[in-house]
Every structure is written in C-alpha cells, then in structure tokens.
Amino acid sequence: MRFKLIMALVDCECTDDIMAAARDAGATGATVITQVRGEGLKPTKTFLGLDLAGQRDLLMFLVAEPLSREILETIAETGCFDQRPGAGIAFQVAIEDAVGLKSQLRTLTEEIEDQI
C-alpha cells in the first residue's frame, strides 16, 4: 500500500476541528506538535521581544494515497486556508516506506477497498 504524509500548519484554535474533519475524510490518526512558529510574506510583529502571532500547531497525517487529496482539501476547507491570509498551509509528500502501521492496515484497506 502506498502512503502520503500530509503536514498542516494551523492556528491552534482550529486544531480540533481540522483533526475531526480529517478523520471524517479518512485519516486514521495524526501526530500533533504544539507551539510551532512560522513566518509568511511579512515577518510577524513583536513587542519587547514577545511574538504577537497566534500559536500554531503542526499536524502530521500518514494516510493511504487514494485518500490523500480528499483529506488535504478537507483540511484546507475546514481551516479556511484560501479565505483568510495566514490561516494555515498544508502539503503532502510521498512516503517511500513505513513501518509500525500493522494495527491500522485493516482499517486503511477497508476504507480504500473500492478504490484499488
């Protein structure tokens, strides 16, 4: 089975909604790294050395390739990435190999059975 890694940088206030939407679209779980920082076109403003930008979370989903585009689009829609500047960004990369998924393979196979 082929996999994709979807990485999403999102406002921490949206993390739970995006996680739920990704699960509804077929993701079987995620890893969340909290309190990450990023910069867009313009550097964020600071006050006395304190960052004024909101906290971000990094969400990482290892998903079956046939479901990856739908999950990616669901993340973008739920997070309003195209409607609000700075709302977040998500991308996917191909995974050459993965181990440790034995407990999830049955669920993944059932979800994509009709697509393979």
N, C-alpha and C. Protein backbone atom coordinates (compact mmCIF):
# COMPACT_ATOMS: atom_id res chain seq x y z
N MET A 1 0.85 -1.17 0.00
CA MET A 1 0.00 0.00 0.00
C MET A 1 0.90 1.23 0.00
N ARG A 2 0.52 2.23 -0.77
CA ARG A 2 1.27 3.48 -0.84
C ARG A 2 0.67 4.50 0.12
N PHE A 3 1.56 5.32 0.68
CA PHE A 3 1.15 6.31 1.66
C PHE A 3 1.61 7.70 1.27
N LYS A 4 0.94 8.69 1.82
CA LYS A 4 1.33 10.09 1.72
C LYS A 4 1.39 10.65 3.13
N LEU A 5 2.30 11.59 3.34
CA LEU A 5 2.36 12.31 4.60
C LEU A 5 1.79 13.69 4.34
N ILE A 6 0.72 14.01 5.04
CA ILE A 6 0.13 15.35 4.95
C ILE A 6 0.58 16.12 6.18
N MET A 7 1.18 17.27 5.94
CA MET A 7 1.61 18.14 7.03
C MET A 7 0.81 19.42 6.93
N ALA A 8 0.27 19.85 8.06
CA ALA A 8 -0.54 21.07 8.08
C ALA A 8 -0.10 21.94 9.25
N LEU A 9 0.17 23.20 8.96
CA LEU A 9 0.46 24.20 9.99
C LEU A 9 -0.80 25.02 10.16
N VAL A 10 -1.38 24.97 11.36
CA VAL A 10 -2.69 25.57 11.58
C VAL A 10 -2.72 26.37 12.87
N ASP A 11 -3.66 27.32 12.97
CA ASP A 11 -3.90 28.02 14.23
C ASP A 11 -4.30 26.98 15.26
N CYS A 12 -3.77 27.12 16.47
CA CYS A 12 -4.08 26.12 17.50
C CYS A 12 -5.57 26.07 17.81
N GLU A 13 -6.28 27.17 17.58
CA GLU A 13 -7.73 27.18 17.82
C GLU A 13 -8.48 26.29 16.84
N CYS A 14 -7.88 25.99 15.70
CA CYS A 14 -8.54 25.18 14.66
C CYS A 14 -8.14 23.71 14.70
N THR A 15 -7.17 23.36 15.53
CA THR A 15 -6.62 22.00 15.51
C THR A 15 -7.69 20.93 15.68
N ASP A 16 -8.52 21.05 16.67
CA ASP A 16 -9.53 20.01 16.93
C ASP A 16 -10.52 19.87 15.78
N ASP A 17 -10.95 20.99 15.20
CA ASP A 17 -11.88 20.94 14.07
C ASP A 17 -11.23 20.28 12.85
N ILE A 18 -9.98 20.62 12.60
CA ILE A 18 -9.27 20.06 11.45
C ILE A 18 -9.02 18.57 11.66
N MET A 19 -8.66 18.18 12.87
CA MET A 19 -8.45 16.76 13.17
C MET A 19 -9.74 15.97 12.94
N ALA A 20 -10.86 16.49 13.41
CA ALA A 20 -12.15 15.80 13.24
C ALA A 20 -12.53 15.70 11.77
N ALA A 21 -12.33 16.78 11.02
CA ALA A 21 -12.67 16.77 9.60
C ALA A 21 -11.77 15.80 8.83
N ALA A 22 -10.49 15.76 9.17
CA ALA A 22 -9.57 14.83 8.50
C ALA A 22 -9.96 13.39 8.80
N ARG A 23 -10.36 13.11 10.01
CA ARG A 23 -10.82 11.75 10.35
C ARG A 23 -12.07 11.39 9.55
N ASP A 24 -13.00 12.33 9.43
CA ASP A 24 -14.21 12.09 8.64
C ASP A 24 -13.87 11.82 7.17
N ALA A 25 -12.78 12.41 6.69
CA ALA A 25 -12.37 12.24 5.30
C ALA A 25 -11.53 10.99 5.09
N GLY A 26 -11.16 10.28 6.19
CA GLY A 26 -10.45 9.02 6.03
C GLY A 26 -9.13 8.90 6.76
N ALA A 27 -8.65 9.94 7.41
CA ALA A 27 -7.40 9.83 8.18
C ALA A 27 -7.66 8.95 9.40
N THR A 28 -6.70 8.12 9.74
CA THR A 28 -6.88 7.20 10.87
C THR A 28 -6.20 7.69 12.13
N GLY A 29 -5.54 8.82 12.07
CA GLY A 29 -4.87 9.37 13.24
C GLY A 29 -3.90 10.46 12.81
N ALA A 30 -3.24 11.06 13.76
CA ALA A 30 -2.29 12.13 13.46
C ALA A 30 -1.33 12.31 14.61
N THR A 31 -0.24 12.97 14.32
CA THR A 31 0.69 13.43 15.33
C THR A 31 0.60 14.94 15.36
N VAL A 32 0.50 15.51 16.57
CA VAL A 32 0.37 16.95 16.73
C VAL A 32 1.59 17.47 17.49
N ILE A 33 2.25 18.43 16.89
CA ILE A 33 3.35 19.13 17.56
C ILE A 33 2.83 20.53 17.84
N THR A 34 2.80 20.88 19.11
CA THR A 34 2.21 22.15 19.51
C THR A 34 3.25 23.26 19.59
N GLN A 35 2.76 24.49 19.56
CA GLN A 35 3.55 25.70 19.74
C GLN A 35 4.70 25.83 18.76
N VAL A 36 4.40 25.65 17.47
CA VAL A 36 5.40 25.89 16.43
C VAL A 36 5.23 27.33 15.95
N ARG A 37 6.22 27.83 15.26
CA ARG A 37 6.18 29.20 14.78
C ARG A 37 6.57 29.20 13.32
N GLY A 38 5.94 30.06 12.55
CA GLY A 38 6.27 30.21 11.14
C GLY A 38 6.18 31.66 10.73
N GLU A 39 6.67 31.94 9.55
CA GLU A 39 6.62 33.29 9.01
C GLU A 39 6.15 33.24 7.58
N GLY A 40 5.25 34.14 7.22
CA GLY A 40 4.77 34.23 5.87
C GLY A 40 5.54 35.28 5.08
N LEU A 41 4.83 35.98 4.19
CA LEU A 41 5.46 37.00 3.37
C LEU A 41 6.06 38.12 4.19
N LYS A 42 5.36 38.49 5.24
CA LYS A 42 5.84 39.57 6.10
C LYS A 42 6.15 39.02 7.48
N PRO A 43 7.30 39.39 8.05
CA PRO A 43 7.61 38.92 9.41
C PRO A 43 6.55 39.39 10.40
N THR A 44 6.31 38.58 11.42
CA THR A 44 5.32 38.94 12.43
C THR A 44 5.87 40.04 13.32
N LYS A 45 4.98 40.79 13.89
CA LYS A 45 5.36 41.89 14.77
C LYS A 45 5.66 41.35 16.17
N THR A 46 6.56 42.03 16.82
CA THR A 46 6.87 41.67 18.20
C THR A 46 6.73 42.89 19.09
N PHE A 47 6.58 42.64 20.36
CA PHE A 47 6.50 43.71 21.34
C PHE A 47 7.45 43.34 22.47
N LEU A 48 8.50 44.11 22.62
CA LEU A 48 9.53 43.84 23.63
C LEU A 48 10.06 42.41 23.53
N GLY A 49 10.24 41.96 22.30
CA GLY A 49 10.79 40.63 22.07
C GLY A 49 9.79 39.49 22.14
N LEU A 50 8.53 39.79 22.45
CA LEU A 50 7.49 38.76 22.51
C LEU A 50 6.77 38.69 21.17
N ASP A 51 6.57 37.50 20.69
CA ASP A 51 5.89 37.29 19.41
C ASP A 51 4.39 37.55 19.58
N LEU A 52 3.82 38.39 18.71
CA LEU A 52 2.40 38.70 18.79
C LEU A 52 1.54 37.77 17.95
N ALA A 53 2.16 36.92 17.14
CA ALA A 53 1.40 36.00 16.31
C ALA A 53 0.78 34.90 17.17
N GLY A 54 -0.37 34.40 16.75
CA GLY A 54 -1.03 33.32 17.48
C GLY A 54 -0.24 32.03 17.41
N GLN A 55 -0.47 31.16 18.36
CA GLN A 55 0.21 29.87 18.37
C GLN A 55 -0.26 29.00 17.20
N ARG A 56 0.63 28.20 16.72
CA ARG A 56 0.35 27.28 15.63
C ARG A 56 0.63 25.86 16.10
N ASP A 57 -0.02 24.93 15.45
CA ASP A 57 0.25 23.52 15.66
C ASP A 57 0.66 22.91 14.34
N LEU A 58 1.52 21.90 14.40
CA LEU A 58 1.90 21.14 13.22
C LEU A 58 1.19 19.79 13.33
N LEU A 59 0.33 19.50 12.36
CA LEU A 59 -0.40 18.23 12.31
C LEU A 59 0.22 17.37 11.23
N MET A 60 0.49 16.12 11.54
CA MET A 60 1.07 15.20 10.56
C MET A 60 0.18 13.97 10.45
N PHE A 61 -0.31 13.73 9.26
CA PHE A 61 -1.20 12.60 8.98
C PHE A 61 -0.50 11.66 8.00
N LEU A 62 -0.35 10.40 8.33
CA LEU A 62 0.13 9.39 7.39
C LEU A 62 -1.11 8.69 6.86
N VAL A 63 -1.40 8.89 5.57
CA VAL A 63 -2.67 8.42 5.01
C VAL A 63 -2.44 7.57 3.77
N ALA A 64 -3.44 6.76 3.45
CA ALA A 64 -3.40 5.97 2.22
C ALA A 64 -3.45 6.91 1.02
N GLU A 65 -2.63 6.64 0.03
CA GLU A 65 -2.52 7.52 -1.13
C GLU A 65 -3.86 7.83 -1.82
N PRO A 66 -4.73 6.84 -2.01
CA PRO A 66 -6.00 7.16 -2.68
C PRO A 66 -6.88 8.17 -1.93
N LEU A 67 -6.68 8.31 -0.63
CA LEU A 67 -7.49 9.23 0.17
C LEU A 67 -6.82 10.58 0.39
N SER A 68 -5.56 10.69 0.00
CA SER A 68 -4.76 11.85 0.40
C SER A 68 -5.28 13.18 -0.15
N ARG A 69 -5.67 13.24 -1.40
CA ARG A 69 -6.12 14.52 -1.96
C ARG A 69 -7.40 15.00 -1.28
N GLU A 70 -8.33 14.09 -1.05
CA GLU A 70 -9.59 14.47 -0.39
C GLU A 70 -9.33 14.97 1.04
N ILE A 71 -8.44 14.28 1.75
CA ILE A 71 -8.10 14.71 3.11
C ILE A 71 -7.43 16.08 3.08
N LEU A 72 -6.50 16.29 2.16
CA LEU A 72 -5.80 17.57 2.03
C LEU A 72 -6.79 18.70 1.75
N GLU A 73 -7.72 18.49 0.84
CA GLU A 73 -8.71 19.52 0.52
C GLU A 73 -9.66 19.77 1.70
N THR A 74 -9.99 18.72 2.44
CA THR A 74 -10.85 18.87 3.62
C THR A 74 -10.15 19.71 4.68
N ILE A 75 -8.87 19.48 4.88
CA ILE A 75 -8.09 20.26 5.84
C ILE A 75 -8.10 21.73 5.44
N ALA A 76 -7.83 22.00 4.16
CA ALA A 76 -7.80 23.38 3.68
C ALA A 76 -9.15 24.07 3.82
N GLU A 77 -10.22 23.35 3.51
CA GLU A 77 -11.57 23.93 3.61
C GLU A 77 -11.95 24.20 5.07
N THR A 78 -11.67 23.24 5.94
CA THR A 78 -12.02 23.40 7.35
C THR A 78 -11.23 24.53 8.00
N GLY A 79 -9.96 24.66 7.62
CA GLY A 79 -9.12 25.71 8.18
C GLY A 79 -9.25 27.05 7.50
N CYS A 80 -10.09 27.14 6.45
CA CYS A 80 -10.30 28.37 5.69
C CYS A 80 -8.98 28.93 5.14
N PHE A 81 -8.11 28.05 4.66
CA PHE A 81 -6.79 28.46 4.20
C PHE A 81 -6.86 29.45 3.03
N ASP A 82 -7.82 29.28 2.13
CA ASP A 82 -7.92 30.16 0.97
C ASP A 82 -8.73 31.42 1.24
N GLN A 83 -9.45 31.45 2.34
CA GLN A 83 -10.29 32.61 2.65
C GLN A 83 -9.60 33.61 3.58
N ARG A 84 -8.74 33.14 4.46
CA ARG A 84 -8.10 34.02 5.45
C ARG A 84 -6.58 33.97 5.31
N PRO A 85 -5.96 35.09 4.98
CA PRO A 85 -4.48 35.10 4.91
C PRO A 85 -3.88 34.70 6.26
N GLY A 86 -2.90 33.83 6.22
CA GLY A 86 -2.25 33.39 7.44
C GLY A 86 -2.98 32.32 8.22
N ALA A 87 -4.08 31.80 7.65
CA ALA A 87 -4.88 30.80 8.37
C ALA A 87 -4.14 29.47 8.49
N GLY A 88 -3.30 29.16 7.53
CA GLY A 88 -2.57 27.90 7.59
C GLY A 88 -2.11 27.47 6.22
N ILE A 89 -1.37 26.40 6.22
CA ILE A 89 -0.86 25.80 4.99
C ILE A 89 -0.80 24.29 5.19
N ALA A 90 -1.04 23.55 4.14
CA ALA A 90 -0.95 22.10 4.20
C ALA A 90 -0.35 21.60 2.89
N PHE A 91 0.40 20.52 3.00
CA PHE A 91 1.00 19.92 1.80
C PHE A 91 1.18 18.44 2.04
N GLN A 92 1.40 17.71 0.95
CA GLN A 92 1.60 16.27 1.08
C GLN A 92 2.88 15.86 0.37
N VAL A 93 3.52 14.83 0.89
CA VAL A 93 4.73 14.28 0.28
C VAL A 93 4.58 12.76 0.21
N ALA A 94 5.17 12.19 -0.80
CA ALA A 94 5.13 10.74 -0.96
C ALA A 94 6.03 10.06 0.08
N ILE A 95 5.58 8.94 0.58
CA ILE A 95 6.34 8.15 1.54
C ILE A 95 6.84 6.90 0.84
N GLU A 96 8.13 6.69 0.90
CA GLU A 96 8.72 5.53 0.25
C GLU A 96 8.38 4.24 0.99
N ASP A 97 8.42 4.29 2.32
CA ASP A 97 8.17 3.09 3.11
C ASP A 97 7.75 3.51 4.51
N ALA A 98 7.02 2.67 5.19
CA ALA A 98 6.60 2.95 6.56
C ALA A 98 6.45 1.65 7.32
N VAL A 99 6.76 1.70 8.61
CA VAL A 99 6.58 0.53 9.48
C VAL A 99 5.78 0.99 10.69
N GLY A 100 5.26 0.03 11.43
CA GLY A 100 4.50 0.35 12.64
C GLY A 100 3.03 0.62 12.40
N LEU A 101 2.54 0.24 11.23
CA LEU A 101 1.14 0.50 10.89
C LEU A 101 0.28 -0.76 10.91
N LYS A 102 0.81 -1.83 11.41
CA LYS A 102 0.09 -3.11 11.37
C LYS A 102 -1.31 -3.01 11.98
N SER A 103 -1.44 -2.28 13.07
CA SER A 103 -2.75 -2.17 13.73
C SER A 103 -3.74 -1.36 12.91
N GLN A 104 -3.26 -0.54 11.98
CA GLN A 104 -4.15 0.31 11.18
C GLN A 104 -4.39 -0.22 9.78
N LEU A 105 -3.61 -1.20 9.34
CA LEU A 105 -3.72 -1.68 7.96
C LEU A 105 -5.10 -2.21 7.61
N ARG A 106 -5.74 -2.93 8.51
CA ARG A 106 -7.08 -3.47 8.22
C ARG A 106 -8.06 -2.33 7.95
N THR A 107 -8.06 -1.32 8.81
CA THR A 107 -8.96 -0.18 8.64
C THR A 107 -8.64 0.56 7.35
N LEU A 108 -7.36 0.81 7.08
CA LEU A 108 -6.97 1.50 5.85
C LEU A 108 -7.41 0.71 4.61
N THR A 109 -7.20 -0.59 4.64
CA THR A 109 -7.57 -1.41 3.50
C THR A 109 -9.07 -1.39 3.27
N GLU A 110 -9.86 -1.46 4.33
CA GLU A 110 -11.31 -1.42 4.20
C GLU A 110 -11.78 -0.09 3.63
N GLU A 111 -11.14 1.01 4.04
CA GLU A 111 -11.55 2.33 3.58
C GLU A 111 -11.28 2.56 2.10
N ILE A 112 -10.20 1.96 1.59
CA ILE A 112 -9.86 2.22 0.18
C ILE A 112 -10.14 1.02 -0.72
N GLU A 113 -10.79 -0.01 -0.18
CA GLU A 113 -11.05 -1.24 -0.92
C GLU A 113 -11.69 -0.99 -2.28
N ASP A 114 -12.66 -0.11 -2.34
CA ASP A 114 -13.36 0.14 -3.60
C ASP A 114 -12.54 0.97 -4.57
N GLN A 115 -11.45 1.58 -4.11
CA GLN A 115 -10.64 2.43 -4.97
C GLN A 115 -9.42 1.71 -5.56
N ILE A 116 -9.13 0.49 -5.05
CA ILE A 116 -7.96 -0.23 -5.57
C ILE A 116 -8.40 -1.44 -6.35
